[in-house]
Amino acid sequence: MTSDLSLQLMSQMAWMALAISGPILFFSLAIGILVSVIQVVTQIQDASLAFIPKLLAVFVAFLLFGPWMLKSLVNYASSVIGSIPSLF
């Protein structure tokens, strides 16, 4: 295995990790900002108020994007495992 090939595999792995974690992080960030704005406007400073909506948003994001995330991971893993014989 050459260093170029290993760098390519690492780069693909990093992009796959970003693509898969992106929707979950986006949902959590959007709900976190929305709840923070509501807390500032209403002057309610309760830490648990931000936790529950984020948890629900992450759960909904997993429901919406879970099949796509799993399909992407399976496709990537099968392509990497399938290319093992050509690496050596």
PDB file of N, CA and C in Angstrom:
ATOM      1  N   MET A   1       0.861  -1.173   0.000  1.00  0.00           N
ATOM      2  CA  MET A   1       0.000   0.000   0.000  1.00  0.00           C
ATOM      3  C   MET A   1       0.903   1.231   0.000  1.00  0.00           C
ATOM      4  N   THR A   2       0.652   2.123  -0.912  1.00  0.00           N
ATOM      5  CA  THR A   2       1.451   3.334  -1.002  1.00  0.00           C
ATOM      6  C   THR A   2       0.884   4.402  -0.074  1.00  0.00           C
ATOM      7  N   SER A   3       1.694   5.402   0.161  1.00  0.00           N
ATOM      8  CA  SER A   3       1.242   6.486   1.036  1.00  0.00           C
ATOM      9  C   SER A   3       0.112   7.288   0.385  1.00  0.00           C
ATOM     10  N   ASP A   4       0.137   7.399  -0.938  1.00  0.00           N
ATOM     11  CA  ASP A   4      -0.942   8.113  -1.634  1.00  0.00           C
ATOM     12  C   ASP A   4      -2.284   7.411  -1.456  1.00  0.00           C
ATOM     13  N   LEU A   5      -2.260   6.101  -1.546  1.00  0.00           N
ATOM     14  CA  LEU A   5      -3.488   5.330  -1.386  1.00  0.00           C
ATOM     15  C   LEU A   5      -4.015   5.416   0.042  1.00  0.00           C
ATOM     16  N   SER A   6      -3.093   5.358   1.005  1.00  0.00           N
ATOM     17  CA  SER A   6      -3.544   5.463   2.395  1.00  0.00           C
ATOM     18  C   SER A   6      -4.094   6.852   2.694  1.00  0.00           C
ATOM     19  N   LEU A   7      -3.494   7.879   2.120  1.00  0.00           N
ATOM     20  CA  LEU A   7      -4.026   9.235   2.298  1.00  0.00           C
ATOM     21  C   LEU A   7      -5.391   9.383   1.644  1.00  0.00           C
ATOM     22  N   GLN A   8      -5.577   8.754   0.498  1.00  0.00           N
ATOM     23  CA  GLN A   8      -6.875   8.801  -0.176  1.00  0.00           C
ATOM     24  C   GLN A   8      -7.939   8.107   0.670  1.00  0.00           C
ATOM     25  N   LEU A   9      -7.610   6.953   1.234  1.00  0.00           N
ATOM     26  CA  LEU A   9      -8.566   6.242   2.091  1.00  0.00           C
ATOM     27  C   LEU A   9      -8.904   7.052   3.339  1.00  0.00           C
ATOM     28  N   MET A  10      -7.905   7.683   3.933  1.00  0.00           N
ATOM     29  CA  MET A  10      -8.152   8.507   5.120  1.00  0.00           C
ATOM     30  C   MET A  10      -9.006   9.721   4.773  1.00  0.00           C
ATOM     31  N   SER A  11      -8.756  10.307   3.620  1.00  0.00           N
ATOM     32  CA  SER A  11      -9.552  11.454   3.187  1.00  0.00           C
ATOM     33  C   SER A  11     -11.003  11.057   2.948  1.00  0.00           C
ATOM     34  N   GLN A  12     -11.212   9.923   2.281  1.00  0.00           N
ATOM     35  CA  GLN A  12     -12.577   9.441   2.059  1.00  0.00           C
ATOM     36  C   GLN A  12     -13.271   9.146   3.381  1.00  0.00           C
ATOM     37  N   MET A  13     -12.526   8.580   4.335  1.00  0.00           N
ATOM     38  CA  MET A  13     -13.101   8.267   5.636  1.00  0.00           C
ATOM     39  C   MET A  13     -13.519   9.545   6.370  1.00  0.00           C
ATOM     40  N   ALA A  14     -12.667  10.567   6.307  1.00  0.00           N
ATOM     41  CA  ALA A  14     -12.991  11.826   6.977  1.00  0.00           C
ATOM     42  C   ALA A  14     -14.220  12.482   6.353  1.00  0.00           C
ATOM     43  N   TRP A  15     -14.304  12.488   5.024  1.00  0.00           N
ATOM     44  CA  TRP A  15     -15.468  13.075   4.357  1.00  0.00           C
ATOM     45  C   TRP A  15     -16.735  12.297   4.661  1.00  0.00           C
ATOM     46  N   MET A  16     -16.621  10.978   4.745  1.00  0.00           N
ATOM     47  CA  MET A  16     -17.787  10.155   5.074  1.00  0.00           C
ATOM     48  C   MET A  16     -18.258  10.453   6.497  1.00  0.00           C
ATOM     49  N   ALA A  17     -17.316  10.598   7.414  1.00  0.00           N
ATOM     50  CA  ALA A  17     -17.685  10.917   8.794  1.00  0.00           C
ATOM     51  C   ALA A  17     -18.378  12.275   8.875  1.00  0.00           C
ATOM     52  N   LEU A  18     -17.874  13.246   8.131  1.00  0.00           N
ATOM     53  CA  LEU A  18     -18.511  14.568   8.119  1.00  0.00           C
ATOM     54  C   LEU A  18     -19.896  14.519   7.488  1.00  0.00           C
ATOM     55  N   ALA A  19     -20.028  13.779   6.406  1.00  0.00           N
ATOM     56  CA  ALA A  19     -21.323  13.698   5.725  1.00  0.00           C
ATOM     57  C   ALA A  19     -22.359  13.000   6.596  1.00  0.00           C
ATOM     58  N   ILE A  20     -21.941  11.994   7.328  1.00  0.00           N
ATOM     59  CA  ILE A  20     -22.892  11.250   8.150  1.00  0.00           C
ATOM     60  C   ILE A  20     -23.253  12.013   9.417  1.00  0.00           C
ATOM     61  N   SER A  21     -22.290  12.693  10.003  1.00  0.00           N
ATOM     62  CA  SER A  21     -22.595  13.420  11.239  1.00  0.00           C
ATOM     63  C   SER A  21     -23.223  14.786  10.971  1.00  0.00           C
ATOM     64  N   GLY A  22     -23.146  15.274   9.742  1.00  0.00           N
ATOM     65  CA  GLY A  22     -23.656  16.602   9.409  1.00  0.00           C
ATOM     66  C   GLY A  22     -25.118  16.844   9.726  1.00  0.00           C
ATOM     67  N   PRO A  23     -26.033  16.000   9.268  1.00  0.00           N
ATOM     68  CA  PRO A  23     -27.455  16.253   9.549  1.00  0.00           C
ATOM     69  C   PRO A  23     -27.787  16.251  11.042  1.00  0.00           C
ATOM     70  N   ILE A  24     -27.175  15.351  11.788  1.00  0.00           N
ATOM     71  CA  ILE A  24     -27.431  15.282  13.229  1.00  0.00           C
ATOM     72  C   ILE A  24     -26.922  16.549  13.909  1.00  0.00           C
ATOM     73  N   LEU A  25     -25.709  16.954  13.557  1.00  0.00           N
ATOM     74  CA  LEU A  25     -25.147  18.162  14.157  1.00  0.00           C
ATOM     75  C   LEU A  25     -25.932  19.407  13.757  1.00  0.00           C
ATOM     76  N   PHE A  26     -26.397  19.457  12.507  1.00  0.00           N
ATOM     77  CA  PHE A  26     -27.175  20.608  12.056  1.00  0.00           C
ATOM     78  C   PHE A  26     -28.485  20.721  12.828  1.00  0.00           C
ATOM     79  N   PHE A  27     -29.192  19.603  12.987  1.00  0.00           N
ATOM     80  CA  PHE A  27     -30.449  19.632  13.734  1.00  0.00           C
ATOM     81  C   PHE A  27     -30.206  20.076  15.173  1.00  0.00           C
ATOM     82  N   SER A  28     -29.177  19.537  15.792  1.00  0.00           N
ATOM     83  CA  SER A  28     -28.872  19.890  17.175  1.00  0.00           C
ATOM     84  C   SER A  28     -28.491  21.368  17.298  1.00  0.00           C
ATOM     85  N   LEU A  29     -27.701  21.857  16.359  1.00  0.00           N
ATOM     86  CA  LEU A  29     -27.300  23.264  16.375  1.00  0.00           C
ATOM     87  C   LEU A  29     -28.489  24.188  16.169  1.00  0.00           C
ATOM     88  N   ALA A  30     -29.343  23.869  15.207  1.00  0.00           N
ATOM     89  CA  ALA A  30     -30.497  24.721  14.919  1.00  0.00           C
ATOM     90  C   ALA A  30     -31.447  24.789  16.110  1.00  0.00           C
ATOM     91  N   ILE A  31     -31.736  23.652  16.719  1.00  0.00           N
ATOM     92  CA  ILE A  31     -32.624  23.647  17.879  1.00  0.00           C
ATOM     93  C   ILE A  31     -31.962  24.336  19.059  1.00  0.00           C
ATOM     94  N   GLY A  32     -30.668  24.150  19.230  1.00  0.00           N
ATOM     95  CA  GLY A  32     -29.953  24.821  20.316  1.00  0.00           C
ATOM     96  C   GLY A  32     -30.009  26.333  20.194  1.00  0.00           C
ATOM     97  N   ILE A  33     -29.806  26.842  18.984  1.00  0.00           N
ATOM     98  CA  ILE A  33     -29.877  28.293  18.772  1.00  0.00           C
ATOM     99  C   ILE A  33     -31.293  28.800  18.981  1.00  0.00           C
ATOM    100  N   LEU A  34     -32.275  28.069  18.469  1.00  0.00           N
ATOM    101  CA  LEU A  34     -33.669  28.471  18.639  1.00  0.00           C
ATOM    102  C   LEU A  34     -34.064  28.509  20.118  1.00  0.00           C
ATOM    103  N   VAL A  35     -33.694  27.492  20.863  1.00  0.00           N
ATOM    104  CA  VAL A  35     -34.025  27.459  22.292  1.00  0.00           C
ATOM    105  C   VAL A  35     -33.276  28.553  23.037  1.00  0.00           C
ATOM    106  N   SER A  36     -32.036  28.821  22.656  1.00  0.00           N
ATOM    107  CA  SER A  36     -31.277  29.892  23.306  1.00  0.00           C
ATOM    108  C   SER A  36     -31.913  31.256  23.067  1.00  0.00           C
ATOM    109  N   VAL A  37     -32.388  31.493  21.845  1.00  0.00           N
ATOM    110  CA  VAL A  37     -33.063  32.762  21.550  1.00  0.00           C
ATOM    111  C   VAL A  37     -34.343  32.874  22.371  1.00  0.00           C
ATOM    112  N   ILE A  38     -35.089  31.789  22.460  1.00  0.00           N
ATOM    113  CA  ILE A  38     -36.319  31.805  23.266  1.00  0.00           C
ATOM    114  C   ILE A  38     -35.991  32.051  24.736  1.00  0.00           C
ATOM    115  N   GLN A  39     -34.904  31.456  25.226  1.00  0.00           N
ATOM    116  CA  GLN A  39     -34.515  31.673  26.616  1.00  0.00           C
ATOM    117  C   GLN A  39     -34.107  33.122  26.864  1.00  0.00           C
ATOM    118  N   VAL A  40     -33.429  33.720  25.910  1.00  0.00           N
ATOM    119  CA  VAL A  40     -33.019  35.117  26.075  1.00  0.00           C
ATOM    120  C   VAL A  40     -34.235  36.034  26.061  1.00  0.00           C
ATOM    121  N   VAL A  41     -35.170  35.772  25.164  1.00  0.00           N
ATOM    122  CA  VAL A  41     -36.352  36.621  25.048  1.00  0.00           C
ATOM    123  C   VAL A  41     -37.229  36.507  26.292  1.00  0.00           C
ATOM    124  N   THR A  42     -37.409  35.297  26.790  1.00  0.00           N
ATOM    125  CA  THR A  42     -38.287  35.096  27.950  1.00  0.00           C
ATOM    126  C   THR A  42     -37.545  35.178  29.276  1.00  0.00           C
ATOM    127  N   GLN A  43     -36.226  35.291  29.247  1.00  0.00           N
ATOM    128  CA  GLN A  43     -35.377  35.369  30.438  1.00  0.00           C
ATOM    129  C   GLN A  43     -35.527  34.142  31.329  1.00  0.00           C
ATOM    130  N   ILE A  44     -35.745  32.998  30.726  1.00  0.00           N
ATOM    131  CA  ILE A  44     -35.763  31.729  31.453  1.00  0.00           C
ATOM    132  C   ILE A  44     -34.384  31.106  31.273  1.00  0.00           C
ATOM    133  N   GLN A  45     -33.656  30.937  32.356  1.00  0.00           N
ATOM    134  CA  GLN A  45     -32.302  30.404  32.292  1.00  0.00           C
ATOM    135  C   GLN A  45     -32.237  29.039  32.967  1.00  0.00           C
ATOM    136  N   ASP A  46     -32.884  28.066  32.380  1.00  0.00           N
ATOM    137  CA  ASP A  46     -32.877  26.708  32.907  1.00  0.00           C
ATOM    138  C   ASP A  46     -32.087  25.831  31.944  1.00  0.00           C
ATOM    139  N   ALA A  47     -31.065  25.145  32.451  1.00  0.00           N
ATOM    140  CA  ALA A  47     -30.195  24.346  31.584  1.00  0.00           C
ATOM    141  C   ALA A  47     -30.928  23.152  30.986  1.00  0.00           C
ATOM    142  N   SER A  48     -31.855  22.584  31.725  1.00  0.00           N
ATOM    143  CA  SER A  48     -32.553  21.406  31.213  1.00  0.00           C
ATOM    144  C   SER A  48     -33.533  21.764  30.096  1.00  0.00           C
ATOM    145  N   LEU A  49     -33.896  23.025  29.989  1.00  0.00           N
ATOM    146  CA  LEU A  49     -34.813  23.452  28.934  1.00  0.00           C
ATOM    147  C   LEU A  49     -34.182  23.281  27.550  1.00  0.00           C
ATOM    148  N   ALA A  50     -32.887  23.442  27.450  1.00  0.00           N
ATOM    149  CA  ALA A  50     -32.216  23.291  26.159  1.00  0.00           C
ATOM    150  C   ALA A  50     -31.913  21.828  25.842  1.00  0.00           C
ATOM    151  N   PHE A  51     -31.820  20.996  26.852  1.00  0.00           N
ATOM    152  CA  PHE A  51     -31.420  19.605  26.637  1.00  0.00           C
ATOM    153  C   PHE A  51     -32.516  18.772  25.981  1.00  0.00           C
ATOM    154  N   ILE A  52     -33.732  18.885  26.461  1.00  0.00           N
ATOM    155  CA  ILE A  52     -34.829  18.042  25.971  1.00  0.00           C
ATOM    156  C   ILE A  52     -35.142  18.306  24.489  1.00  0.00           C
ATOM    157  N   PRO A  53     -35.280  19.562  24.043  1.00  0.00           N
ATOM    158  CA  PRO A  53     -35.535  19.775  22.603  1.00  0.00           C
ATOM    159  C   PRO A  53     -34.392  19.282  21.711  1.00  0.00           C
ATOM    160  N   LYS A  54     -33.145  19.433  22.174  1.00  0.00           N
ATOM    161  CA  LYS A  54     -32.024  18.925  21.388  1.00  0.00           C
ATOM    162  C   LYS A  54     -32.082  17.410  21.277  1.00  0.00           C
ATOM    163  N   LEU A  55     -32.412  16.765  22.368  1.00  0.00           N
ATOM    164  CA  LEU A  55     -32.521  15.310  22.362  1.00  0.00           C
ATOM    165  C   LEU A  55     -33.613  14.848  21.400  1.00  0.00           C
ATOM    166  N   LEU A  56     -34.743  15.533  21.427  1.00  0.00           N
ATOM    167  CA  LEU A  56     -35.828  15.197  20.505  1.00  0.00           C
ATOM    168  C   LEU A  56     -35.439  15.475  19.051  1.00  0.00           C
ATOM    169  N   ALA A  57     -34.724  16.572  18.818  1.00  0.00           N
ATOM    170  CA  ALA A  57     -34.295  16.903  17.456  1.00  0.00           C
ATOM    171  C   ALA A  57     -33.320  15.864  16.917  1.00  0.00           C
ATOM    172  N   VAL A  58     -32.414  15.405  17.762  1.00  0.00           N
ATOM    173  CA  VAL A  58     -31.469  14.374  17.328  1.00  0.00           C
ATOM    174  C   VAL A  58     -32.207  13.072  17.033  1.00  0.00           C
ATOM    175  N   PHE A  59     -33.195  12.737  17.847  1.00  0.00           N
ATOM    176  CA  PHE A  59     -33.991  11.535  17.611  1.00  0.00           C
ATOM    177  C   PHE A  59     -34.738  11.636  16.280  1.00  0.00           C
ATOM    178  N   VAL A  60     -35.336  12.786  16.009  1.00  0.00           N
ATOM    179  CA  VAL A  60     -36.048  12.986  14.740  1.00  0.00           C
ATOM    180  C   VAL A  60     -35.070  12.936  13.563  1.00  0.00           C
ATOM    181  N   ALA A  61     -33.892  13.524  13.751  1.00  0.00           N
ATOM    182  CA  ALA A  61     -32.892  13.487  12.680  1.00  0.00           C
ATOM    183  C   ALA A  61     -32.451  12.056  12.394  1.00  0.00           C
ATOM    184  N   PHE A  62     -32.305  11.251  13.441  1.00  0.00           N
ATOM    185  CA  PHE A  62     -31.968   9.842  13.223  1.00  0.00           C
ATOM    186  C   PHE A  62     -33.091   9.119  12.493  1.00  0.00           C
ATOM    187  N   LEU A  63     -34.324   9.452  12.817  1.00  0.00           N
ATOM    188  CA  LEU A  63     -35.441   8.820  12.115  1.00  0.00           C
ATOM    189  C   LEU A  63     -35.469   9.217  10.642  1.00  0.00           C
ATOM    190  N   LEU A  64     -35.195  10.493  10.369  1.00  0.00           N
ATOM    191  CA  LEU A  64     -35.239  10.976   8.992  1.00  0.00           C
ATOM    192  C   LEU A  64     -34.036  10.526   8.167  1.00  0.00           C
ATOM    193  N   PHE A  65     -32.849  10.642   8.743  1.00  0.00           N
ATOM    194  CA  PHE A  65     -31.622  10.393   7.991  1.00  0.00           C
ATOM    195  C   PHE A  65     -30.977   9.049   8.295  1.00  0.00           C
ATOM    196  N   GLY A  66     -31.528   8.290   9.215  1.00  0.00           N
ATOM    197  CA  GLY A  66     -30.944   7.008   9.592  1.00  0.00           C
ATOM    198  C   GLY A  66     -30.768   6.036   8.441  1.00  0.00           C
ATOM    199  N   PRO A  67     -31.805   5.820   7.627  1.00  0.00           N
ATOM    200  CA  PRO A  67     -31.624   4.893   6.497  1.00  0.00           C
ATOM    201  C   PRO A  67     -30.543   5.350   5.514  1.00  0.00           C
ATOM    202  N   TRP A  68     -30.505   6.638   5.234  1.00  0.00           N
ATOM    203  CA  TRP A  68     -29.477   7.157   4.334  1.00  0.00           C
ATOM    204  C   TRP A  68     -28.088   6.998   4.948  1.00  0.00           C
ATOM    205  N   MET A  69     -27.968   7.286   6.251  1.00  0.00           N
ATOM    206  CA  MET A  69     -26.681   7.157   6.922  1.00  0.00           C
ATOM    207  C   MET A  69     -26.198   5.711   6.899  1.00  0.00           C
ATOM    208  N   LEU A  70     -27.094   4.791   7.193  1.00  0.00           N
ATOM    209  CA  LEU A  70     -26.730   3.378   7.202  1.00  0.00           C
ATOM    210  C   LEU A  70     -26.350   2.899   5.801  1.00  0.00           C
ATOM    211  N   LYS A  71     -27.098   3.326   4.797  1.00  0.00           N
ATOM    212  CA  LYS A  71     -26.794   2.934   3.416  1.00  0.00           C
ATOM    213  C   LYS A  71     -25.430   3.472   2.992  1.00  0.00           C
ATOM    214  N   SER A  72     -25.141   4.716   3.359  1.00  0.00           N
ATOM    215  CA  SER A  72     -23.846   5.303   3.015  1.00  0.00           C
ATOM    216  C   SER A  72     -22.704   4.556   3.687  1.00  0.00           C
ATOM    217  N   LEU A  73     -22.878   4.234   4.958  1.00  0.00           N
ATOM    218  CA  LEU A  73     -21.834   3.500   5.671  1.00  0.00           C
ATOM    219  C   LEU A  73     -21.620   2.111   5.090  1.00  0.00           C
ATOM    220  N   VAL A  74     -22.695   1.426   4.765  1.00  0.00           N
ATOM    221  CA  VAL A  74     -22.576   0.083   4.190  1.00  0.00           C
ATOM    222  C   VAL A  74     -21.894   0.148   2.827  1.00  0.00           C
ATOM    223  N   ASN A  75     -22.260   1.112   2.003  1.00  0.00           N
ATOM    224  CA  ASN A  75     -21.621   1.254   0.689  1.00  0.00           C
ATOM    225  C   ASN A  75     -20.136   1.559   0.822  1.00  0.00           C
ATOM    226  N   TYR A  76     -19.785   2.456   1.745  1.00  0.00           N
ATOM    227  CA  TYR A  76     -18.377   2.801   1.942  1.00  0.00           C
ATOM    228  C   TYR A  76     -17.596   1.606   2.475  1.00  0.00           C
ATOM    229  N   ALA A  77     -18.154   0.934   3.466  1.00  0.00           N
ATOM    230  CA  ALA A  77     -17.460  -0.218   4.042  1.00  0.00           C
ATOM    231  C   ALA A  77     -17.289  -1.328   3.014  1.00  0.00           C
ATOM    232  N   SER A  78     -18.307  -1.578   2.217  1.00  0.00           N
ATOM    233  CA  SER A  78     -18.188  -2.635   1.207  1.00  0.00           C
ATOM    234  C   SER A  78     -17.173  -2.262   0.130  1.00  0.00           C
ATOM    235  N   SER A  79     -17.084  -0.987  -0.221  1.00  0.00           N
ATOM    236  CA  SER A  79     -16.087  -0.588  -1.216  1.00  0.00           C
ATOM    237  C   SER A  79     -14.672  -0.691  -0.656  1.00  0.00           C
ATOM    238  N   VAL A  80     -14.494  -0.335   0.609  1.00  0.00           N
ATOM    239  CA  VAL A  80     -13.166  -0.442   1.219  1.00  0.00           C
ATOM    240  C   VAL A  80     -12.779  -1.908   1.390  1.00  0.00           C
ATOM    241  N   ILE A  81     -13.692  -2.715   1.890  1.00  0.00           N
ATOM    242  CA  ILE A  81     -13.395  -4.133   2.087  1.00  0.00           C
ATOM    243  C   ILE A  81     -13.192  -4.827   0.742  1.00  0.00           C
ATOM    244  N   GLY A  82     -13.954  -4.442  -0.253  1.00  0.00           N
ATOM    245  CA  GLY A  82     -13.796  -5.023  -1.583  1.00  0.00           C
ATOM    246  C   GLY A  82     -12.485  -4.657  -2.251  1.00  0.00           C
ATOM    247  N   SER A  83     -11.902  -3.532  -1.863  1.00  0.00           N
ATOM    248  CA  SER A  83     -10.641  -3.106  -2.475  1.00  0.00           C
ATOM    249  C   SER A  83      -9.415  -3.644  -1.739  1.00  0.00           C
ATOM    250  N   ILE A  84      -9.601  -4.395  -0.678  1.00  0.00           N
ATOM    251  CA  ILE A  84      -8.462  -4.921   0.083  1.00  0.00           C
ATOM    252  C   ILE A  84      -7.568  -5.826  -0.777  1.00  0.00           C
ATOM    253  N   PRO A  85      -8.114  -6.737  -1.578  1.00  0.00           N
ATOM    254  CA  PRO A  85      -7.211  -7.581  -2.383  1.00  0.00           C
ATOM    255  C   PRO A  85      -6.323  -6.788  -3.349  1.00  0.00           C
ATOM    256  N   SER A  86      -6.797  -5.672  -3.840  1.00  0.00           N
ATOM    257  CA  SER A  86      -5.982  -4.896  -4.778  1.00  0.00           C
ATOM    258  C   SER A  86      -4.953  -4.020  -4.070  1.00  0.00           C
ATOM    259  N   LEU A  87      -5.031  -3.922  -2.754  1.00  0.00           N
ATOM    260  CA  LEU A  87      -4.098  -3.073  -2.022  1.00  0.00           C
ATOM    261  C   LEU A  87      -2.735  -3.729  -1.853  1.00  0.00           C
ATOM    262  N   PHE A  88      -2.709  -5.037  -1.815  1.00  0.00           N
ATOM    263  CA  PHE A  88      -1.448  -5.730  -1.510  1.00  0.00           C
ATOM    264  C   PHE A  88      -0.936  -6.512  -2.677  1.00  0.00           C
TER     265      PHE A  88
END
